[in-house]
Amino acid sequence: MEKPVRQIRQSPIGIATALAALLSASAPAAAYTDKEVTAIFQTLDTNGDGKVTREEYSANKVAIIYRNVHGRSGNLTFEQTKLSREFFDAADVDHDGTLSPVEIIDALPFEAADTDRKGYITLDDLRRFLARIGR
């Protein structure tokens, strides 16, 4: 029996609001928990096949970023993210101390997680990627 495909609203505001959840936290934390990594993966893997394709990643990463930024819009400060200081500063290309949705999208290309270039991301790939960019 096939799993139902989860639908995610593709509005520009909704998508831009989602990728920040990948990076954001209600309160700063030292690292992504296994539960958080699994939830992020499940959101990215819209067809539930255990592999996140480039298309799934591109369509869903923005929504994930902003998922936990309740009632906020716009740029994220370092304190609002779970990113390492090094990653945050590198992603902050205009050096204004915040990450815009465009900076976030640009800083999280598919290839950064698909390091072995197989064309999809597994849960373990995502876990390693978040460990590299997280606090």
N, C-alpha and C. Protein backbone atom coordinates (compact mmCIF):
# COMPACT_ATOMS: atom_id res chain seq x y z
N MET A 1 0.84 -1.17 0.00
CA MET A 1 0.00 0.00 0.00
C MET A 1 0.89 1.25 0.00
N GLU A 2 0.62 2.17 -0.89
CA GLU A 2 1.42 3.38 -0.99
C GLU A 2 1.04 4.38 0.09
N LYS A 3 2.07 5.11 0.56
CA LYS A 3 1.81 6.18 1.52
C LYS A 3 1.23 7.36 0.79
N PRO A 4 0.31 8.09 1.43
CA PRO A 4 -0.23 9.28 0.78
C PRO A 4 0.86 10.35 0.67
N VAL A 5 0.82 11.08 -0.41
CA VAL A 5 1.77 12.16 -0.61
C VAL A 5 1.31 13.37 0.18
N ARG A 6 2.22 13.92 0.99
CA ARG A 6 1.89 15.10 1.77
C ARG A 6 1.99 16.32 0.87
N GLN A 7 1.04 17.19 0.95
CA GLN A 7 1.01 18.41 0.16
C GLN A 7 1.47 19.57 1.02
N ILE A 8 2.32 20.42 0.47
CA ILE A 8 2.74 21.63 1.18
C ILE A 8 2.35 22.81 0.32
N ARG A 9 1.73 23.78 0.93
CA ARG A 9 1.32 24.99 0.24
C ARG A 9 2.56 25.68 -0.31
N GLN A 10 2.51 26.09 -1.56
CA GLN A 10 3.67 26.61 -2.24
C GLN A 10 3.65 28.12 -2.41
N SER A 11 2.95 28.85 -1.57
CA SER A 11 2.93 30.30 -1.71
C SER A 11 4.30 30.87 -1.38
N PRO A 12 4.69 31.98 -1.99
CA PRO A 12 6.01 32.56 -1.71
C PRO A 12 6.22 32.87 -0.24
N ILE A 13 5.20 33.39 0.43
CA ILE A 13 5.34 33.70 1.86
C ILE A 13 5.47 32.41 2.66
N GLY A 14 4.64 31.42 2.36
CA GLY A 14 4.68 30.16 3.09
C GLY A 14 6.00 29.44 2.90
N ILE A 15 6.50 29.41 1.70
CA ILE A 15 7.77 28.75 1.42
C ILE A 15 8.90 29.52 2.08
N ALA A 16 8.90 30.83 1.97
CA ALA A 16 9.96 31.63 2.58
C ALA A 16 9.93 31.49 4.09
N THR A 17 8.76 31.26 4.64
CA THR A 17 8.62 31.13 6.07
C THR A 17 9.10 29.77 6.56
N ALA A 18 9.24 28.79 5.69
CA ALA A 18 9.50 27.43 6.13
C ALA A 18 10.96 27.08 6.30
N LEU A 19 11.83 27.51 5.48
CA LEU A 19 13.24 27.12 5.59
C LEU A 19 13.85 27.63 6.87
N ALA A 20 13.36 28.71 7.40
CA ALA A 20 13.89 29.23 8.66
C ALA A 20 13.67 28.27 9.81
N ALA A 21 12.66 27.44 9.75
CA ALA A 21 12.45 26.48 10.82
C ALA A 21 13.59 25.49 10.90
N LEU A 22 14.16 25.18 9.77
CA LEU A 22 15.31 24.29 9.76
C LEU A 22 16.42 24.89 10.60
N LEU A 23 16.57 26.18 10.55
CA LEU A 23 17.66 26.87 11.23
C LEU A 23 17.25 27.48 12.54
N SER A 24 15.98 27.68 12.77
CA SER A 24 15.55 28.46 13.92
C SER A 24 15.18 27.60 15.11
N ALA A 25 15.08 28.28 16.23
CA ALA A 25 14.68 27.62 17.46
C ALA A 25 13.95 28.63 18.33
N SER A 26 13.03 28.14 19.12
CA SER A 26 12.35 29.02 20.07
C SER A 26 13.35 29.54 21.08
N ALA A 27 14.24 28.68 21.49
CA ALA A 27 15.33 29.08 22.38
C ALA A 27 16.60 28.46 21.83
N PRO A 28 17.73 29.12 21.93
CA PRO A 28 18.96 28.56 21.40
C PRO A 28 19.24 27.19 22.00
N ALA A 29 19.75 26.30 21.17
CA ALA A 29 20.10 24.96 21.61
C ALA A 29 21.48 24.62 21.07
N ALA A 30 22.12 23.66 21.71
CA ALA A 30 23.48 23.32 21.34
C ALA A 30 23.53 22.54 20.04
N ALA A 31 22.53 21.75 19.73
CA ALA A 31 22.57 20.93 18.53
C ALA A 31 21.16 20.48 18.19
N TYR A 32 21.01 19.99 16.97
CA TYR A 32 19.74 19.41 16.57
C TYR A 32 19.59 18.06 17.22
N THR A 33 18.43 17.81 17.81
CA THR A 33 18.17 16.50 18.40
C THR A 33 17.79 15.53 17.29
N ASP A 34 17.86 14.24 17.60
CA ASP A 34 17.48 13.23 16.62
C ASP A 34 16.02 13.41 16.22
N LYS A 35 15.19 13.78 17.19
CA LYS A 35 13.77 14.00 16.91
C LYS A 35 13.59 15.16 15.93
N GLU A 36 14.35 16.24 16.12
CA GLU A 36 14.27 17.39 15.21
C GLU A 36 14.75 17.03 13.81
N VAL A 37 15.85 16.29 13.73
CA VAL A 37 16.39 15.88 12.43
C VAL A 37 15.38 15.00 11.69
N THR A 38 14.79 14.08 12.42
CA THR A 38 13.79 13.19 11.81
C THR A 38 12.57 13.98 11.34
N ALA A 39 12.11 14.94 12.13
CA ALA A 39 10.96 15.76 11.73
C ALA A 39 11.29 16.60 10.49
N ILE A 40 12.47 17.16 10.45
CA ILE A 40 12.89 17.93 9.28
C ILE A 40 12.93 17.03 8.05
N PHE A 41 13.51 15.84 8.21
CA PHE A 41 13.59 14.90 7.08
C PHE A 41 12.20 14.52 6.58
N GLN A 42 11.30 14.23 7.49
CA GLN A 42 9.95 13.84 7.09
C GLN A 42 9.24 14.96 6.35
N THR A 43 9.50 16.19 6.73
CA THR A 43 8.90 17.33 6.03
C THR A 43 9.50 17.47 4.63
N LEU A 44 10.80 17.26 4.52
CA LEU A 44 11.45 17.35 3.21
C LEU A 44 11.03 16.20 2.29
N ASP A 45 10.86 15.02 2.84
CA ASP A 45 10.56 13.81 2.06
C ASP A 45 9.05 13.71 1.82
N THR A 46 8.54 14.53 0.93
CA THR A 46 7.09 14.64 0.74
C THR A 46 6.43 13.36 0.26
N ASN A 47 7.14 12.51 -0.47
CA ASN A 47 6.49 11.27 -0.92
C ASN A 47 6.76 10.10 0.01
N GLY A 48 7.52 10.31 1.09
CA GLY A 48 7.72 9.30 2.11
C GLY A 48 8.53 8.09 1.68
N ASP A 49 9.39 8.24 0.66
CA ASP A 49 10.15 7.09 0.18
C ASP A 49 11.52 6.93 0.85
N GLY A 50 11.83 7.78 1.82
CA GLY A 50 13.10 7.67 2.52
C GLY A 50 14.26 8.35 1.82
N LYS A 51 13.96 9.07 0.73
CA LYS A 51 14.97 9.80 -0.02
C LYS A 51 14.42 11.18 -0.34
N VAL A 52 15.23 12.20 -0.13
CA VAL A 52 14.83 13.56 -0.47
C VAL A 52 15.54 13.94 -1.76
N THR A 53 14.75 14.13 -2.80
CA THR A 53 15.33 14.52 -4.10
C THR A 53 15.61 16.02 -4.11
N ARG A 54 16.35 16.46 -5.10
CA ARG A 54 16.63 17.88 -5.28
C ARG A 54 15.32 18.66 -5.36
N GLU A 55 14.33 18.12 -6.05
CA GLU A 55 13.05 18.81 -6.21
C GLU A 55 12.32 18.94 -4.87
N GLU A 56 12.29 17.86 -4.10
CA GLU A 56 11.66 17.92 -2.78
C GLU A 56 12.38 18.92 -1.88
N TYR A 57 13.70 18.87 -1.90
CA TYR A 57 14.49 19.76 -1.07
C TYR A 57 14.23 21.21 -1.43
N SER A 58 14.27 21.51 -2.71
CA SER A 58 14.06 22.89 -3.16
C SER A 58 12.66 23.39 -2.82
N ALA A 59 11.68 22.53 -2.96
CA ALA A 59 10.30 22.94 -2.72
C ALA A 59 10.00 23.14 -1.24
N ASN A 60 10.71 22.45 -0.37
CA ASN A 60 10.34 22.43 1.05
C ASN A 60 11.32 23.11 2.00
N LYS A 61 12.53 23.41 1.57
CA LYS A 61 13.52 23.92 2.53
C LYS A 61 13.14 25.27 3.12
N VAL A 62 12.54 26.13 2.36
CA VAL A 62 12.16 27.44 2.89
C VAL A 62 11.07 27.28 3.95
N ALA A 63 10.12 26.45 3.70
CA ALA A 63 9.04 26.23 4.66
C ALA A 63 9.59 25.69 5.97
N ILE A 64 10.58 24.84 5.89
CA ILE A 64 11.16 24.27 7.09
C ILE A 64 11.89 25.32 7.90
N ILE A 65 12.58 26.20 7.27
CA ILE A 65 13.36 27.22 7.98
C ILE A 65 12.47 28.07 8.88
N TYR A 66 11.33 28.47 8.38
CA TYR A 66 10.48 29.39 9.14
C TYR A 66 9.40 28.71 9.97
N ARG A 67 9.33 27.42 9.96
CA ARG A 67 8.26 26.69 10.65
C ARG A 67 8.19 27.03 12.13
N ASN A 68 9.32 27.25 12.77
CA ASN A 68 9.33 27.52 14.20
C ASN A 68 9.43 28.99 14.55
N VAL A 69 9.34 29.85 13.57
CA VAL A 69 9.44 31.29 13.82
C VAL A 69 8.01 31.83 13.87
N HIS A 70 7.34 31.53 14.93
CA HIS A 70 5.93 31.88 15.09
C HIS A 70 5.74 33.40 15.12
N GLY A 71 4.91 33.89 14.23
CA GLY A 71 4.56 35.29 14.24
C GLY A 71 5.66 36.24 13.79
N ARG A 72 6.76 35.71 13.30
CA ARG A 72 7.85 36.56 12.84
C ARG A 72 7.96 36.50 11.34
N SER A 73 8.45 37.55 10.79
CA SER A 73 8.75 37.54 9.36
C SER A 73 10.04 38.30 9.17
N GLY A 74 10.61 38.17 8.01
CA GLY A 74 11.83 38.89 7.72
C GLY A 74 13.07 38.14 8.09
N ASN A 75 14.09 38.88 8.48
CA ASN A 75 15.41 38.32 8.72
C ASN A 75 15.52 37.68 10.09
N LEU A 76 16.48 36.76 10.20
CA LEU A 76 16.74 36.07 11.46
C LEU A 76 18.08 36.50 12.03
N THR A 77 18.12 36.73 13.33
CA THR A 77 19.38 37.02 13.99
C THR A 77 20.06 35.70 14.35
N PHE A 78 21.31 35.77 14.72
CA PHE A 78 22.06 34.57 15.13
C PHE A 78 21.34 33.87 16.28
N GLU A 79 20.86 34.64 17.24
CA GLU A 79 20.21 34.08 18.41
C GLU A 79 18.93 33.33 18.07
N GLN A 80 18.31 33.65 16.96
CA GLN A 80 17.07 32.98 16.55
C GLN A 80 17.34 31.70 15.77
N THR A 81 18.59 31.36 15.55
CA THR A 81 18.92 30.17 14.77
C THR A 81 19.63 29.13 15.62
N LYS A 82 19.81 27.95 15.04
CA LYS A 82 20.60 26.89 15.65
C LYS A 82 21.90 26.72 14.87
N LEU A 83 22.27 27.71 14.12
CA LEU A 83 23.46 27.64 13.29
C LEU A 83 24.72 27.95 14.09
N SER A 84 25.82 27.38 13.65
CA SER A 84 27.10 27.75 14.25
C SER A 84 27.41 29.19 13.86
N ARG A 85 28.20 29.85 14.66
CA ARG A 85 28.60 31.23 14.36
C ARG A 85 29.33 31.29 13.02
N GLU A 86 30.20 30.34 12.74
CA GLU A 86 30.95 30.32 11.48
C GLU A 86 30.01 30.23 10.28
N PHE A 87 29.04 29.31 10.34
CA PHE A 87 28.11 29.16 9.22
C PHE A 87 27.23 30.40 9.07
N PHE A 88 26.73 30.91 10.19
CA PHE A 88 25.89 32.10 10.15
C PHE A 88 26.63 33.26 9.50
N ASP A 89 27.86 33.52 9.95
CA ASP A 89 28.62 34.65 9.42
C ASP A 89 28.92 34.48 7.93
N ALA A 90 29.20 33.26 7.50
CA ALA A 90 29.45 33.02 6.08
C ALA A 90 28.18 33.22 5.25
N ALA A 91 27.03 32.85 5.80
CA ALA A 91 25.76 33.00 5.09
C ALA A 91 25.29 34.46 5.06
N ASP A 92 25.72 35.25 6.02
CA ASP A 92 25.33 36.66 6.12
C ASP A 92 26.18 37.49 5.14
N VAL A 93 25.86 37.36 3.86
CA VAL A 93 26.72 37.97 2.83
C VAL A 93 26.72 39.49 2.85
N ASP A 94 25.66 40.12 3.33
CA ASP A 94 25.66 41.58 3.40
C ASP A 94 26.17 42.09 4.74
N HIS A 95 26.55 41.17 5.63
CA HIS A 95 27.17 41.49 6.92
C HIS A 95 26.35 42.47 7.77
N ASP A 96 25.01 42.26 7.74
CA ASP A 96 24.15 43.12 8.56
C ASP A 96 23.76 42.47 9.88
N GLY A 97 24.31 41.30 10.17
CA GLY A 97 24.02 40.63 11.43
C GLY A 97 22.74 39.83 11.43
N THR A 98 22.09 39.71 10.26
CA THR A 98 20.87 38.91 10.13
C THR A 98 20.95 38.10 8.86
N LEU A 99 20.12 37.06 8.80
CA LEU A 99 19.98 36.27 7.57
C LEU A 99 18.62 36.54 6.96
N SER A 100 18.64 36.98 5.73
CA SER A 100 17.39 37.16 4.98
C SER A 100 16.97 35.81 4.41
N PRO A 101 15.72 35.67 3.99
CA PRO A 101 15.32 34.42 3.35
C PRO A 101 16.20 34.07 2.15
N VAL A 102 16.59 35.04 1.38
CA VAL A 102 17.45 34.78 0.21
C VAL A 102 18.82 34.28 0.66
N GLU A 103 19.39 34.88 1.70
CA GLU A 103 20.69 34.42 2.21
C GLU A 103 20.59 32.99 2.72
N ILE A 104 19.48 32.66 3.37
CA ILE A 104 19.28 31.31 3.89
C ILE A 104 19.18 30.31 2.75
N ILE A 105 18.38 30.64 1.76
CA ILE A 105 18.22 29.74 0.61
C ILE A 105 19.56 29.52 -0.07
N ASP A 106 20.30 30.60 -0.29
CA ASP A 106 21.60 30.50 -0.97
C ASP A 106 22.61 29.70 -0.16
N ALA A 107 22.52 29.76 1.17
CA ALA A 107 23.48 29.08 2.04
C ALA A 107 23.21 27.59 2.18
N LEU A 108 22.04 27.14 1.72
CA LEU A 108 21.65 25.74 1.90
C LEU A 108 21.39 25.04 0.57
N PRO A 109 22.39 24.99 -0.32
CA PRO A 109 22.16 24.29 -1.58
C PRO A 109 22.04 22.78 -1.36
N PHE A 110 21.36 22.13 -2.24
CA PHE A 110 21.16 20.68 -2.18
C PHE A 110 22.50 19.95 -2.07
N GLU A 111 23.48 20.40 -2.81
CA GLU A 111 24.79 19.74 -2.85
C GLU A 111 25.50 19.75 -1.50
N ALA A 112 25.14 20.69 -0.64
CA ALA A 112 25.76 20.74 0.69
C ALA A 112 25.37 19.54 1.53
N ALA A 113 24.20 19.00 1.31
CA ALA A 113 23.74 17.81 2.03
C ALA A 113 24.00 16.53 1.26
N ASP A 114 23.95 16.60 -0.07
CA ASP A 114 24.21 15.43 -0.94
C ASP A 114 25.69 15.41 -1.30
N THR A 115 26.52 15.22 -0.31
CA THR A 115 27.97 15.34 -0.52
C THR A 115 28.55 14.23 -1.40
N ASP A 116 27.90 13.08 -1.48
CA ASP A 116 28.41 12.01 -2.34
C ASP A 116 27.77 12.01 -3.73
N ARG A 117 26.97 13.05 -4.00
CA ARG A 117 26.40 13.30 -5.34
C ARG A 117 25.58 12.13 -5.89
N LYS A 118 24.78 11.51 -5.03
CA LYS A 118 23.95 10.41 -5.50
C LYS A 118 22.60 10.87 -6.05
N GLY A 119 22.27 12.17 -5.85
CA GLY A 119 21.03 12.71 -6.39
C GLY A 119 19.88 12.73 -5.41
N TYR A 120 20.12 12.31 -4.19
CA TYR A 120 19.11 12.36 -3.13
C TYR A 120 19.82 12.43 -1.78
N ILE A 121 19.04 12.80 -0.76
CA ILE A 121 19.55 12.90 0.60
C ILE A 121 18.83 11.88 1.46
N THR A 122 19.58 11.15 2.26
CA THR A 122 19.01 10.21 3.23
C THR A 122 18.94 10.89 4.60
N LEU A 123 18.30 10.24 5.53
CA LEU A 123 18.24 10.75 6.89
C LEU A 123 19.66 10.92 7.46
N ASP A 124 20.53 9.96 7.21
CA ASP A 124 21.91 10.07 7.70
C ASP A 124 22.64 11.25 7.05
N ASP A 125 22.41 11.48 5.75
CA ASP A 125 23.01 12.64 5.08
C ASP A 125 22.57 13.93 5.76
N LEU A 126 21.27 14.04 6.03
CA LEU A 126 20.74 15.24 6.67
C LEU A 126 21.32 15.40 8.08
N ARG A 127 21.43 14.31 8.80
CA ARG A 127 22.00 14.35 10.15
C ARG A 127 23.44 14.89 10.11
N ARG A 128 24.24 14.39 9.17
CA ARG A 128 25.62 14.87 9.04
C ARG A 128 25.67 16.34 8.63
N PHE A 129 24.80 16.74 7.72
CA PHE A 129 24.75 18.13 7.25
C PHE A 129 24.41 19.07 8.41
N LEU A 130 23.38 18.75 9.17
CA LEU A 130 22.98 19.60 10.28
C LEU A 130 24.05 19.63 11.37
N ALA A 131 24.76 18.54 11.55
CA ALA A 131 25.86 18.53 12.53
C ALA A 131 26.98 19.48 12.08
N ARG A 132 27.21 19.58 10.77
CA ARG A 132 28.25 20.48 10.25
C ARG A 132 27.88 21.95 10.40
N ILE A 133 26.58 22.29 10.22
CA ILE A 133 26.21 23.70 10.23
C ILE A 133 25.63 24.18 11.56
N GLY A 134 25.31 23.23 12.44
CA GLY A 134 24.67 23.58 13.71
C GLY A 134 25.65 23.89 14.82
N ARG A 135 25.09 24.39 15.92
CA ARG A 135 25.91 24.68 17.12
C ARG A 135 26.25 23.44 17.85
